[in-house]
Protein backbone atom coordinates (compact mmCIF):
# COMPACT_ATOMS: atom_id res chain seq x y z
CA MET A 1 0.03 -0.30 -0.12
CA LEU A 2 3.21 2.28 0.53
CA LEU A 3 4.15 2.00 -2.87
CA LEU A 4 0.56 2.81 -4.15
CA THR A 5 -0.31 6.07 -2.37
CA GLY A 6 2.84 7.69 -0.95
CA LEU A 7 1.83 7.98 2.44
CA ARG A 8 4.10 7.86 5.26
CA SER A 9 4.03 5.05 6.90
CA THR A 10 2.43 6.37 10.63
CA GLU A 11 -0.23 7.44 8.51
CA LEU A 12 -1.07 4.39 6.57
CA LEU A 13 -0.39 2.29 9.98
CA LYS A 14 -3.50 5.09 11.24
CA ALA A 15 -5.57 4.72 8.60
CA LYS A 16 -9.34 3.29 9.39
CA TRP A 17 -11.65 1.65 7.08
CA ILE A 18 -14.81 4.57 8.28
CA ASP A 19 -12.24 7.49 6.75
CA VAL A 20 -12.30 4.88 3.33
CA ASP A 21 -14.61 7.01 0.22
CA TRP A 22 -15.00 4.14 -1.92
CA ASP A 23 -16.87 5.86 -4.77
CA VAL A 24 -14.72 9.10 -4.51
CA GLY A 25 -11.58 7.08 -4.44
CA THR A 26 -10.10 8.53 -1.06
CA LEU A 27 -8.36 8.55 2.10
CA PHE A 28 -8.99 10.63 5.34
CA ILE A 29 -5.86 11.06 6.74
CA GLY A 30 -6.78 13.41 9.45
CA LEU A 31 -4.07 15.72 10.80
CA THR A 32 -0.35 14.63 8.66
CA LYS A 33 3.31 15.18 9.97
CA ASN A 34 3.08 18.74 8.68
CA GLY A 35 0.82 19.66 10.71
CA GLU A 36 -2.51 19.80 7.73
CA PRO A 37 -5.49 17.43 7.22
CA LEU A 38 -4.81 15.53 4.45
CA LEU A 39 -7.41 13.84 1.67
CA ALA A 40 -5.25 11.25 0.10
CA PRO A 41 -6.81 10.19 -3.56
CA LEU A 42 -6.54 6.07 -3.79
CA SER A 43 -5.74 4.64 -7.55
CA ASP A 44 -7.74 1.77 -8.86
CA ALA A 45 -4.23 -0.42 -7.85
CA ALA A 46 -4.64 0.75 -4.25
CA ILE A 47 -8.87 0.14 -4.11
CA GLY A 48 -7.96 -3.44 -5.32
CA ARG A 49 -5.75 -3.86 -2.79
CA LEU A 50 -7.62 -2.19 -0.01
CA LYS A 51 -10.25 -4.32 -0.85
CA LEU A 52 -8.37 -8.09 0.08
CA ILE A 53 -7.18 -6.56 3.28
CA PRO A 54 -9.58 -8.49 5.74
CA ARG A 55 -11.57 -6.83 8.53
CA MET A 56 -11.07 -7.67 12.16
CA ASP A 57 -14.22 -7.28 14.20
CA GLY A 58 -13.54 -4.51 16.72
CA ASN A 59 -11.19 -3.35 15.17
CA PRO A 60 -11.39 -0.05 12.88
CA HIS A 61 -7.92 0.41 11.91
CA VAL A 62 -7.02 -1.11 8.23
CA ILE A 63 -4.10 -2.37 8.81
CA CYS A 64 -4.61 -4.05 12.36
CA GLY A 65 -1.82 -4.52 15.26
CA LEU A 66 -1.46 -7.12 17.79
CA LYS A 67 -3.87 -5.33 20.67
CA PRO A 68 -7.33 -5.28 19.97
CA GLY A 69 -8.55 -2.55 18.70
CA ALA A 70 -5.07 -0.93 18.20
CA HIS A 71 -3.15 -0.30 14.59
CA LEU A 72 0.00 -1.85 13.38
CA THR A 73 2.79 0.47 15.40
CA GLY A 74 5.49 -0.47 12.69
CA LEU A 75 6.22 -1.95 9.64
CA GLY A 76 10.41 -2.35 9.90
CA GLU A 77 10.08 -6.20 11.25
CA THR A 78 7.39 -6.58 8.78
CA LEU A 79 9.79 -5.43 5.95
CA ARG A 80 13.25 -6.63 7.38
CA ARG A 81 11.04 -10.38 6.45
CA VAL A 82 9.84 -9.19 3.11
CA CYS A 83 13.45 -7.96 2.11
CA LYS A 84 15.21 -11.45 3.28
CA ARG A 85 12.62 -13.47 1.34
CA ALA A 86 13.18 -10.83 -1.84
CA GLY A 87 16.62 -10.48 -1.45
CA LEU A 88 16.94 -7.23 -0.81
CA GLU A 89 19.13 -5.23 1.83
CA ASN A 90 19.40 -1.73 2.97
CA VAL A 91 15.91 -0.79 2.47
CA ARG A 92 13.71 1.28 5.10
CA VAL A 93 9.66 1.69 5.24
CA HIS A 94 10.47 5.15 4.32
CA ASP A 95 12.21 4.39 1.05
CA LEU A 96 9.11 3.24 -0.05
CA ARG A 97 7.88 6.58 -0.17
CA ARG A 98 11.09 7.89 -1.63
CA THR A 99 10.16 5.26 -4.71
CA VAL A 100 6.87 6.18 -5.22
CA GLY A 101 8.64 10.34 -5.39
CA SER A 102 11.39 8.85 -7.74
CA TRP A 103 9.08 7.08 -10.48
CA LEU A 104 6.51 9.80 -10.72
CA ALA A 105 9.56 12.07 -11.47
CA GLN A 106 10.80 9.01 -14.04
CA ASP A 107 7.01 9.00 -15.60
CA GLY A 108 7.41 13.05 -15.98
CA ARG A 109 4.64 14.36 -13.27
CA SER A 110 5.94 17.70 -12.50
CA LEU A 111 7.91 18.77 -9.32
CA HIS A 112 4.38 20.47 -7.87
CA LEU A 113 2.53 16.69 -8.49
CA ILE A 114 4.67 15.30 -6.84
CA GLY A 115 4.98 17.44 -3.71
CA ASP A 116 1.22 17.14 -3.47
CA VAL A 117 1.34 13.61 -4.07
CA LEU A 118 3.90 13.06 -0.93
CA ASN A 119 1.97 16.11 0.87
CA HIS A 120 5.42 17.73 0.67
CA ARG A 121 4.86 21.41 2.66
CA ASP A 122 8.17 22.60 1.32
CA PRO A 123 8.99 22.77 -2.22
CA LYS A 124 12.42 22.15 -1.12
CA THR A 125 11.87 18.44 0.06
CA THR A 126 10.59 17.88 -3.82
CA ALA A 127 13.68 19.15 -5.43
CA GLY A 128 15.62 16.33 -5.02
CA TYR A 129 13.48 14.51 -7.28
CA ALA A 130 14.45 16.85 -10.00
CA TYR A 131 17.65 14.80 -11.00
CA PHE A 132 15.33 12.06 -12.73
CA GLN A 133 13.39 15.28 -14.80
CA THR A 134 16.91 16.03 -16.23
CA GLN A 135 17.38 13.03 -17.03
CA GLN A 136 14.06 13.09 -18.90
CA ARG A 137 14.42 16.42 -20.17
CA ARG A 138 18.30 15.20 -21.88
CA GLU A 139 16.35 12.23 -23.54
CA ALA A 140 13.83 14.86 -25.38
CA LEU A 141 16.07 16.83 -26.17
CA THR A 142 18.39 14.38 -27.85
CA CYS A 143 15.39 13.30 -29.67
CA HIS A 144 14.25 17.04 -30.77
CA GLY A 145 17.89 17.37 -31.83
CA ASP A 146 17.66 14.28 -33.78
CA LYS A 147 14.58 15.32 -35.73
CA VAL A 148 16.17 18.43 -36.71
CA LEU A 149 19.50 17.18 -37.93
CA ALA A 150 16.94 14.90 -40.16
CA LEU A 151 15.68 17.72 -41.27
CA GLY A 152 18.92 19.14 -43.41
CA ALA A 153 20.74 18.56 -45.79
CA PRO A 154 21.17 14.90 -46.88
CA HIS A 155 24.70 15.12 -46.50
CA LEU A 156 25.00 16.54 -43.24
CA ARG A 157 22.69 14.00 -41.90
CA GLY A 158 25.27 11.59 -40.93
CA ALA A 159 27.72 13.94 -40.26
CA ARG A 160 30.59 13.32 -38.01
CA ALA A 161 32.81 15.77 -36.17
CA PRO A 162 35.84 15.53 -37.11
CA ASP A 163 38.19 13.40 -34.88
CA GLY A 164 40.61 15.98 -34.50
CA VAL A 165 41.93 19.33 -35.42
CA ARG A 166 45.32 19.19 -36.52
CA ALA A 167 48.10 21.99 -35.95
CA GLU A 168 49.37 22.13 -39.06
CA SER A 169 46.37 22.64 -40.90
CA LEU A 170 45.70 25.64 -38.75
CA LEU A 171 49.03 27.08 -38.96
CA ALA A 172 49.44 26.08 -43.11
CA PRO A 173 49.71 29.31 -45.54
CA GLU A 174 46.82 29.96 -47.54
CA SER A 175 47.51 28.83 -50.92
CA ALA A 176 47.75 32.15 -53.73
CA ASP A 177 44.37 30.96 -55.16
CA ALA A 178 42.75 31.17 -51.57
CA GLY A 179 43.75 34.29 -50.68
CA ALA A 180 42.53 35.76 -54.19
CA ARG A 181 39.38 34.31 -53.65
CA HIS A 182 39.28 35.90 -50.52
CA ALA A 183 40.26 39.45 -51.85
CA PRO A 184 37.16 42.30 -52.21
CA SER A 185 35.62 42.18 -55.34
CA GLY A 186 36.79 43.74 -58.08
CA ARG A 187 40.63 43.75 -57.27
CA GLY A 188 43.49 41.40 -56.73
CA ALA A 189 45.09 40.07 -54.04
CA GLU A 190 48.10 42.28 -55.03
CA GLY A 191 45.61 45.52 -54.78
CA ALA A 192 44.46 44.48 -51.68
CA THR A 193 45.43 46.79 -48.81
């Protein structure tokens, strides 16, 4: 669910069934870490997963804890077991939230939208995801550049940059014919001042 919502783990752990709006596809979180209430949108995939979670009699929480009527207090141990089975190392619960932001950036979503999804109060917090957009902008410009070059003359389309510039080609004196070609019109090379 964390990968499907981008919620903080405590926000998901404290979620209650009564706060799920199945018709609109939202989950009311209440006050979040940044002190503001959050109405989190739920994707179709998240709604589908929520429907698979069994409800426990006498417990209003989506993710139930061991104590009757309480929510699960942490996901660390559960994540460690899952990672061990999957052969993953050095994964923390909050990494799942960062992964949502990274994948949204790689998908071309704006930093403003990513900040909204992750409920960041400060845009600087979201700015770290700009790296992925820089890569995508470069790829977009490379594709665009290829299209621009394809419009050029056929002999230029496959043109490569020279392998290198040699000093002797830059310092070689021009031939007499070359000097005449560069002289002002109406006068030869001798008449140029």
